[in-house]
Amino acid sequence: MLVIFDLEGVLVDGEFLPELAKLKGIEDKIWEITLRGIKGEIDWEEGLYLRINELRGLSYSDCVNVANSLRLMPGAKEACKTLREMGFLLASVSGGFTLLAERVQKELGLDYFFANELVFVGDRLDSVIVRVNSNKANSIQGLVKALQEPREQIIAVVDGANDLALFELAGLKIAFCAQPIVESKADVVIREKDLRLIIPAVKKYIDNLENNGINVRRYKH
């Protein structure tokens, strides 16, 4: 069994680039581009390059400090601990950056993470290497195939329109504090910022699989 989480807005209560933008006094501008991408109003990659271009010149230490300042979503530690005890592998897929994804992986005990990478030149933010594009499913397809994880044993927990490709991989689709378009395509909708609220739905789903004679694969951690 595998749970795929979006990172910012799901495992982390906040968005990295808008927080970084505060250091340059352009938070509103970055939020505007961010929200247009989340809502699917502009091409996601275009929006990413636009935001990074606006933030060029910020120091590496500033970027690290902002990544470390973002707090985990309420209930994230408890939810991840419970899911691991249930036998799930945990992965995050983010259009954000390794600076934050690595930190969250360590704090929550995630098995895998997929994220983009900021490029620094002379200790200053210069550009970005895109490894996770608007079709987030592309970045994790290799893992799903390697694990030979059947679709019905994959759960996706997301919030934005740019995450919808992850729903295509999943048997259980959970919208967490999500955009309306995501809620419309979800099996379960959570509107409170508490990740523990996904656990009853996950347990019910797995129970239904087992009651229907499906051999659920559980991993030992």
Protein backbone atom coordinates (compact mmCIF):
# COMPACT_ATOMS: atom_id res chain seq x y z
CA MET A 1 0.00 0.00 0.00
CA LEU A 2 1.21 3.49 -0.84
CA VAL A 3 0.03 6.96 0.19
CA ILE A 4 1.04 9.84 -2.08
CA PHE A 5 0.88 13.29 -0.48
CA ASP A 6 1.21 16.71 -1.95
CA LEU A 7 3.68 18.68 0.17
CA GLU A 8 2.77 22.36 0.47
CA GLY A 9 -0.77 22.84 1.74
CA VAL A 10 -1.05 19.18 2.78
CA LEU A 11 1.97 17.95 4.75
CA VAL A 12 3.10 21.54 5.35
CA ASP A 13 0.76 24.34 6.39
CA GLY A 14 1.97 27.00 4.01
CA GLU A 15 3.61 27.76 0.68
CA PHE A 16 7.37 28.19 0.36
CA LEU A 17 7.66 30.74 -2.44
CA PRO A 18 5.11 33.24 -1.05
CA GLU A 19 6.97 33.16 2.28
CA LEU A 20 10.26 33.69 0.46
CA ALA A 21 8.68 36.59 -1.40
CA LYS A 22 8.14 38.46 1.87
CA LEU A 23 11.91 39.01 1.99
CA LYS A 24 11.68 41.05 -1.22
CA GLY A 25 8.34 42.67 -0.43
CA ILE A 26 6.61 40.99 -3.39
CA GLU A 27 4.41 38.51 -1.53
CA ASP A 28 1.19 39.63 -3.23
CA LYS A 29 2.74 39.26 -6.69
CA ILE A 30 4.03 35.75 -5.97
CA TRP A 31 0.75 34.66 -4.36
CA GLU A 32 -1.16 35.87 -7.40
CA ILE A 33 0.98 33.74 -9.73
CA THR A 34 0.88 30.78 -7.29
CA LEU A 35 -2.91 30.79 -7.00
CA ARG A 36 -3.40 31.07 -10.75
CA GLY A 37 -1.30 27.93 -11.12
CA ILE A 38 -3.10 26.06 -8.33
CA LYS A 39 -6.44 26.91 -9.91
CA GLY A 40 -5.25 25.79 -13.32
CA GLU A 41 -5.60 29.25 -14.86
CA ILE A 42 -2.03 29.36 -16.23
CA ASP A 43 0.50 26.79 -17.32
CA TRP A 44 2.13 25.51 -14.14
CA GLU A 45 5.73 25.44 -15.41
CA GLU A 46 5.38 28.95 -16.80
CA GLY A 47 4.17 30.12 -13.40
CA LEU A 48 7.11 28.47 -11.66
CA TYR A 49 9.70 30.12 -13.89
CA LEU A 50 7.94 33.48 -13.48
CA ARG A 51 8.08 33.22 -9.70
CA ILE A 52 11.72 32.11 -9.56
CA ASN A 53 12.68 34.97 -11.87
CA GLU A 54 11.03 37.43 -9.48
CA LEU A 55 12.93 35.92 -6.54
CA ARG A 56 16.38 35.75 -8.13
CA GLY A 57 19.17 37.10 -6.00
CA LEU A 58 17.95 35.86 -2.62
CA SER A 59 20.67 34.17 -0.56
CA TYR A 60 20.94 30.42 0.02
CA SER A 61 20.74 30.95 3.79
CA ASP A 62 17.52 32.95 3.41
CA CYS A 63 15.99 30.11 1.39
CA VAL A 64 17.05 27.50 3.96
CA ASN A 65 15.70 29.58 6.83
CA VAL A 66 12.32 29.98 5.14
CA ALA A 67 12.15 26.25 4.35
CA ASN A 68 12.87 25.45 7.98
CA SER A 69 10.33 27.97 9.27
CA LEU A 70 7.27 26.45 7.58
CA ARG A 71 5.33 24.40 10.10
CA LEU A 72 4.00 20.94 9.51
CA MET A 73 0.28 20.58 8.96
CA PRO A 74 -1.56 19.89 12.24
CA GLY A 75 -1.89 16.14 12.66
CA ALA A 76 0.80 15.35 10.06
CA LYS A 77 3.11 13.51 12.45
CA GLU A 78 0.30 11.46 13.97
CA ALA A 79 -1.25 10.63 10.60
CA CYS A 80 2.05 9.51 9.08
CA LYS A 81 2.91 7.44 12.14
CA THR A 82 -0.49 5.70 12.00
CA LEU A 83 -0.22 5.04 8.26
CA ARG A 84 3.23 3.52 8.66
CA GLU A 85 1.92 1.30 11.46
CA MET A 86 -0.86 0.19 9.11
CA GLY A 87 1.78 -0.95 6.61
CA PHE A 88 1.77 1.92 4.13
CA LEU A 89 4.74 3.34 2.29
CA LEU A 90 4.62 7.14 2.28
CA ALA A 91 5.72 9.48 -0.52
CA SER A 92 5.47 13.20 -1.16
CA VAL A 93 5.32 14.70 -4.64
CA SER A 94 5.88 18.42 -4.80
CA GLY A 95 6.16 21.13 -7.39
CA GLY A 96 8.19 22.81 -4.65
CA PHE A 97 11.76 22.22 -3.72
CA THR A 98 14.18 19.74 -2.19
CA LEU A 99 15.16 22.26 0.51
CA LEU A 100 11.75 21.74 2.08
CA ALA A 101 11.01 18.20 0.89
CA GLU A 102 14.14 16.71 2.49
CA ARG A 103 13.37 18.34 5.82
CA VAL A 104 9.79 17.07 5.81
CA GLN A 105 10.90 13.58 4.80
CA LYS A 106 13.12 13.38 7.88
CA GLU A 107 10.55 14.83 10.27
CA LEU A 108 7.66 12.63 9.12
CA GLY A 109 9.55 9.46 8.23
CA LEU A 110 8.53 9.49 4.57
CA ASP A 111 9.92 6.70 2.43
CA TYR A 112 10.24 8.77 -0.75
CA PHE A 113 10.03 12.34 -1.96
CA PHE A 114 9.99 13.95 -5.39
CA ALA A 115 10.62 17.68 -5.81
CA ASN A 116 12.30 20.35 -7.91
CA GLU A 117 15.69 21.85 -7.13
CA LEU A 118 16.65 25.47 -6.72
CA VAL A 119 19.90 26.49 -8.43
CA PHE A 120 22.25 28.90 -6.68
CA VAL A 121 25.12 30.78 -8.29
CA GLY A 122 27.58 32.45 -5.94
CA ASP A 123 25.23 31.76 -3.00
CA ARG A 124 22.38 33.56 -4.77
CA LEU A 125 19.17 32.07 -6.14
CA ASP A 126 19.44 31.94 -9.91
CA SER A 127 17.09 29.38 -11.44
CA VAL A 128 15.35 26.03 -10.97
CA ILE A 129 15.76 22.47 -12.23
CA VAL A 130 12.28 21.09 -12.91
CA ARG A 131 11.97 17.40 -12.03
CA VAL A 132 8.28 17.53 -11.10
CA ASN A 133 6.22 19.27 -13.75
CA SER A 134 2.51 20.01 -14.02
CA ASN A 135 1.80 16.30 -14.48
CA LYS A 136 2.99 15.18 -11.07
CA ALA A 137 2.13 11.57 -11.86
CA ASN A 138 5.08 11.44 -14.27
CA SER A 139 7.59 11.84 -11.46
CA ILE A 140 6.26 8.96 -9.37
CA GLN A 141 5.26 6.54 -12.12
CA GLY A 142 8.64 4.83 -11.95
CA LEU A 143 8.23 4.14 -8.23
CA VAL A 144 4.70 2.80 -8.68
CA LYS A 145 5.91 0.45 -11.40
CA ALA A 146 8.94 -0.65 -9.39
CA LEU A 147 6.75 -1.45 -6.39
CA GLN A 148 4.17 -3.10 -8.67
CA GLU A 149 1.59 -1.36 -6.53
CA PRO A 150 -1.97 -1.98 -7.78
CA ARG A 151 -4.11 1.09 -8.24
CA GLU A 152 -6.65 0.10 -5.60
CA GLN A 153 -3.88 0.06 -2.98
CA ILE A 154 -2.73 3.61 -3.71
CA ILE A 155 -4.16 6.64 -1.90
CA ALA A 156 -3.60 10.25 -3.00
CA VAL A 157 -4.03 13.25 -0.67
CA VAL A 158 -3.88 16.58 -2.54
CA ASP A 159 -5.19 20.14 -2.62
CA GLY A 160 -4.56 21.80 -6.00
CA ALA A 161 -5.58 21.49 -9.63
CA ASN A 162 -1.94 20.79 -10.49
CA ASP A 163 -2.22 17.61 -8.34
CA LEU A 164 -5.10 16.02 -10.23
CA ALA A 165 -2.86 13.70 -12.25
CA LEU A 166 -2.03 11.98 -8.94
CA PHE A 167 -5.72 11.10 -8.56
CA GLU A 168 -5.43 9.07 -11.77
CA LEU A 169 -2.98 6.74 -9.98
CA ALA A 170 -5.12 6.23 -6.90
CA GLY A 171 -7.92 3.96 -5.78
CA LEU A 172 -8.84 6.38 -2.98
CA LYS A 173 -8.77 10.09 -3.80
CA ILE A 174 -8.73 12.51 -0.84
CA ALA A 175 -9.15 16.27 -1.25
CA PHE A 176 -7.54 18.04 1.72
CA CYS A 177 -8.42 21.73 2.20
CA ALA A 178 -8.59 21.71 -1.57
CA GLN A 179 -9.69 23.78 -4.53
CA PRO A 180 -13.30 23.17 -5.70
CA ILE A 181 -12.15 21.36 -8.85
CA VAL A 182 -10.22 18.88 -6.67
CA GLU A 183 -13.17 18.34 -4.34
CA SER A 184 -15.37 17.59 -7.34
CA LYS A 185 -13.12 14.68 -8.35
CA ALA A 186 -12.42 13.30 -4.86
CA ASP A 187 -13.89 10.32 -3.01
CA VAL A 188 -13.31 11.98 0.36
CA VAL A 189 -13.29 15.72 1.17
CA ILE A 190 -11.56 17.10 4.27
CA ARG A 191 -12.04 20.81 4.91
CA GLU A 192 -10.34 21.13 8.32
CA LYS A 193 -6.59 21.55 8.72
CA ASP A 194 -5.98 18.29 10.59
CA LEU A 195 -4.39 15.42 8.69
CA ARG A 196 -5.55 12.93 11.31
CA LEU A 197 -9.00 13.30 9.76
CA ILE A 198 -7.94 11.22 6.76
CA ILE A 199 -7.32 8.12 8.91
CA PRO A 200 -10.95 6.94 9.38
CA ALA A 201 -11.54 7.15 5.62
CA VAL A 202 -8.34 5.24 4.89
CA LYS A 203 -9.19 2.51 7.41
CA LYS A 204 -12.71 2.15 6.00
CA TYR A 205 -11.34 1.92 2.47
CA ILE A 206 -8.79 -0.77 3.36
CA ASP A 207 -11.39 -2.73 5.33
CA ASN A 208 -13.63 -2.73 2.24
CA LEU A 209 -10.80 -4.04 0.09
CA GLU A 210 -10.10 -6.89 2.49
CA ASN A 211 -13.80 -7.68 2.89
CA ASN A 212 -13.94 -8.05 -0.88
CA GLY A 213 -11.16 -10.64 -0.79
CA ILE A 214 -8.33 -8.40 -1.95
CA ASN A 215 -4.95 -9.31 -0.51
CA VAL A 216 -3.67 -5.99 0.81
CA ARG A 217 0.11 -5.63 0.73
CA ARG A 218 1.51 -4.24 3.97
CA TYR A 219 5.11 -3.11 4.43
CA LYS A 220 7.17 -3.51 7.59
CA HIS A 221 9.08 -0.41 8.64
